[in-house]
Amino acid sequence: MSILIKRKKIKLTIAVVCLVFLVCGVTILGVYYFNSTTHIIKQYEKNWGIDLPEQLKLDFRSSKTHIDGNVEYLVFTSKYDLSEELFLKMDSDIKKEDFESWFINAINGLGSSSGELNIPAEHRPDLSREYNYLVLQGMNRIRYSYFYLLFYPETMTVIICSEISQYQHQTKIGP
């Protein structure tokens, strides 16, 4: 009788250990997915009503949360050109100078160390080079949301900066 009880305890212990490993494995896969490039891209597409190219490769990611909002900065390499329709979503009255000012202000929110942005030099935007740009504005409950995208066609580099702030830009973006 005691052998049967020991076998049941062993089977129960094995079952519990397997269940723990299964739960841990599913949790790890879930965390991996929500931090994956695919999930990040799908969230931006859903939130902003845009279509980004397939197979973007994430090269760099930085984010910072402030008391009045947050900033996320991502650099991708694309295998495909960005569609012209993507850039038509923006109000055509937005000047490049305004875009650059807003964009630099947003990435400055990532903070600095030794007076330098916390972005490695190879992932910083070079606004002196030719690029296409997109800026969108939305309202996220009580905060303003901004989406900035730079695309360097010669290197197929896509830089996205997403900013959420309680303050609206002085110049309204879009209609």
Foldseek 3Di string as FASTA:
>chain_A
DVVVVVVVVVVVVVVVVVVVVVVVVVVVVVVCVCPDPVNVQVVCCVVPVADDDPDWAWDDWAKDADPFWIKIKTKTADPDDGDPVRQVVWDPPDDPVNLVVVVVVRQCVSDDDPPHRPDPPVRDDDVVADWRKHKDWDCDPQWIKIWIWIADVVRRMIMIMIIIGNDADPDHTGD
